Protein backbone atom coordinates (compact mmCIF):
# COMPACT_ATOMS: atom_id res chain seq x y z
CA MET A 1 131.81 93.00 88.76
CA ALA A 2 133.52 90.60 91.54
CA ASP A 3 134.34 92.97 94.08
CA TRP A 4 137.89 91.89 94.16
CA ARG A 5 141.20 92.24 91.98
CA ILE A 6 143.79 89.72 91.42
CA ILE A 7 147.34 91.17 91.12
CA GLN A 8 151.01 90.31 91.61
CA PRO A 9 152.23 92.40 94.59
CA SER A 10 154.58 95.15 93.43
CA ASN A 11 154.97 97.71 96.27
CA SER A 12 155.42 97.61 99.65
CA ALA A 13 151.97 98.12 100.99
CA GLU A 14 151.07 94.88 98.57
CA TRP A 15 153.94 93.22 100.06
CA GLU A 16 152.95 93.62 103.54
CA ALA A 17 149.40 93.08 103.12
CA TYR A 18 150.73 89.97 101.16
CA PHE A 19 153.02 88.57 104.19
CA GLN A 20 150.29 89.88 106.62
CA LEU A 21 147.50 87.14 105.65
CA ARG A 22 150.08 84.82 104.92
CA PHE A 23 150.71 84.48 108.25
CA GLU A 24 147.32 84.96 109.58
CA VAL A 25 145.76 82.12 108.40
CA LEU A 26 148.80 79.65 107.38
CA ARG A 27 151.04 80.18 110.90
CA LYS A 28 149.06 82.25 113.58
CA PRO A 29 146.62 79.71 114.60
CA TRP A 30 149.69 77.21 115.27
CA ASN A 31 151.07 80.15 117.23
CA GLU A 32 154.14 80.34 115.05
CA PRO A 33 156.38 83.45 115.47
CA ILE A 34 156.66 86.27 112.87
CA GLY A 35 158.93 85.52 110.35
CA SER A 36 157.93 82.17 109.51
CA GLU A 37 155.31 82.77 106.36
CA LYS A 38 158.34 83.36 105.08
CA SER A 39 160.76 81.30 102.85
CA GLU A 40 164.05 81.71 101.12
CA ASP A 41 162.92 80.93 97.57
CA ASP A 42 160.11 83.63 97.80
CA ALA A 43 162.13 85.76 96.15
CA THR A 44 162.70 83.26 93.09
CA SER A 45 159.16 82.72 93.01
CA LEU A 46 155.55 84.14 91.45
CA HIS A 47 153.40 85.68 93.61
CA ALA A 48 149.31 86.66 93.52
CA LEU A 49 147.32 88.66 95.70
CA ILE A 50 143.42 88.80 95.55
CA LEU A 51 142.51 92.38 96.95
CA GLU A 52 139.24 93.58 97.86
CA ASN A 53 137.76 96.87 96.23
CA THR A 54 138.73 98.20 99.59
CA GLY A 55 142.07 97.06 99.91
CA LYS A 56 141.71 94.11 102.02
CA ALA A 57 144.08 91.02 101.48
CA ILE A 58 141.69 88.07 100.80
CA ALA A 59 144.05 85.45 99.15
CA VAL A 60 147.56 85.16 98.59
CA ALA A 61 149.29 82.07 96.71
CA ARG A 62 152.84 81.81 95.03
CA ILE A 63 153.90 79.15 92.43
CA HIS A 64 157.84 78.31 91.55
CA GLN A 65 159.89 76.04 89.14
CA SER A 66 160.40 73.19 91.33
CA ILE A 67 161.99 70.97 89.00
CA LYS A 68 162.39 70.92 85.35
CA ASN A 69 158.97 70.53 84.02
CA GLN A 70 157.20 70.96 87.38
CA LEU A 71 156.26 74.30 89.41
CA GLN A 72 154.72 73.89 92.55
CA VAL A 73 151.67 75.99 94.50
CA ARG A 74 152.79 77.14 97.93
CA PHE A 75 151.08 79.20 100.75
CA MET A 76 148.04 79.08 99.25
CA ALA A 77 145.38 81.08 101.71
CA VAL A 78 142.13 82.66 102.23
CA ARG A 79 140.67 84.22 104.70
CA PRO A 80 138.05 82.09 106.30
CA GLU A 81 135.05 84.48 105.76
CA PHE A 82 136.05 84.05 102.23
CA GLN A 83 135.83 80.47 101.48
CA LYS A 84 133.77 78.78 99.50
CA LYS A 85 132.68 81.59 96.75
CA GLY A 86 134.89 81.05 94.07
CA ILE A 87 137.78 83.03 95.16
CA GLY A 88 140.29 80.70 96.12
CA GLY A 89 139.53 78.83 92.78
CA GLY A 90 140.09 81.77 90.88
CA MET A 91 143.58 82.29 92.74
CA LEU A 92 144.25 78.98 91.60
CA LYS A 93 143.63 79.36 88.28
CA PHE A 94 145.96 82.67 88.39
CA VAL A 95 148.92 81.52 89.60
CA GLU A 96 148.66 78.28 87.21
CA LYS A 97 148.36 80.59 84.27
CA ILE A 98 151.64 83.31 85.02
CA GLY A 99 153.47 79.98 86.15
CA VAL A 100 152.89 78.19 82.64
CA LYS A 101 153.68 81.31 81.59
CA GLN A 102 156.89 81.93 82.92
CA TYR A 103 157.66 78.52 82.43
CA PRO A 104 155.82 76.80 78.89
CA GLU A 105 157.55 73.82 78.94
CA THR A 106 155.71 73.18 82.05
CA ILE A 107 154.32 69.35 81.83
CA GLU A 108 152.51 69.26 85.58
CA ILE A 109 152.19 71.42 88.70
CA ILE A 110 152.09 69.28 92.22
CA LEU A 111 151.44 71.34 95.64
CA HIS A 112 151.09 69.53 99.62
CA ALA A 113 147.39 70.10 100.31
CA ARG A 114 146.58 70.49 103.97
CA GLU A 115 143.63 67.37 104.71
CA ASN A 116 140.80 70.09 104.80
CA ALA A 117 141.32 71.11 101.45
CA ILE A 118 141.82 68.07 99.61
CA GLU A 119 138.45 68.36 98.01
CA PHE A 120 138.82 72.03 97.20
CA TYR A 121 142.45 70.16 94.85
CA LYS A 122 140.32 67.63 93.61
CA SER A 123 137.77 69.70 92.60
CA ASN A 124 140.25 71.75 90.71
CA GLY A 125 141.79 69.05 88.62
CA TYR A 126 144.37 67.88 91.45
CA ASN A 127 144.81 64.25 92.09
CA ILE A 128 146.25 62.68 95.53
CA VAL A 129 149.51 61.07 94.95
CA GLU A 130 150.69 59.72 98.43
CA GLU A 131 150.32 61.23 102.10
CA SER A 132 153.30 63.70 102.50
CA TYR A 133 154.19 65.41 106.10
CA VAL A 134 152.79 66.24 108.92
CA LEU A 135 152.92 70.20 109.61
CA PHE A 136 153.00 71.47 113.36
CA GLY A 137 153.15 67.89 114.46
CA GLU A 138 149.48 67.77 113.69
CA ILE A 139 148.62 68.98 109.87
CA GLN A 140 149.06 66.35 107.52
CA HIS A 141 149.66 67.32 103.94
CA TYR A 142 149.23 65.09 100.86
CA LEU A 143 151.34 65.31 97.83
CA MET A 144 148.70 66.56 94.79
CA LYS A 145 149.82 66.34 91.18
CA LYS A 146 147.86 68.08 87.78
CA LYS A 147 149.08 67.56 84.20
CA VAL A 148 149.02 70.96 82.09
């Protein structure tokens, strides 16, 4: 039995853990302010949270419809000590599944991967389309795409 479970956050404690982990992994290391982990379209996105059996948040991700027939994964983060253990792959499959269930007309899923995550996304069926943007003046991102 797994030592963790995937849920869609539904109460204030789960949402707090979700956004706290997003901040700690994706913003704090670059001295970004609290609040920068949130996005205006969070309210219209589907979210996922992986919790240890102890209740500790270990991974987060969200997915939304970016344009007709296309979903986008954003804000995917796994605590560093839990990386390379299959947790990220489980999270990615989960958000893809809930996204396609919500939007059955989807034909592709895109994301903008940080350079250090490219191999992870390739191993989960994504292909590089092009270089996209540089975040915080130092983190190169690549547009990646996967057919559904």
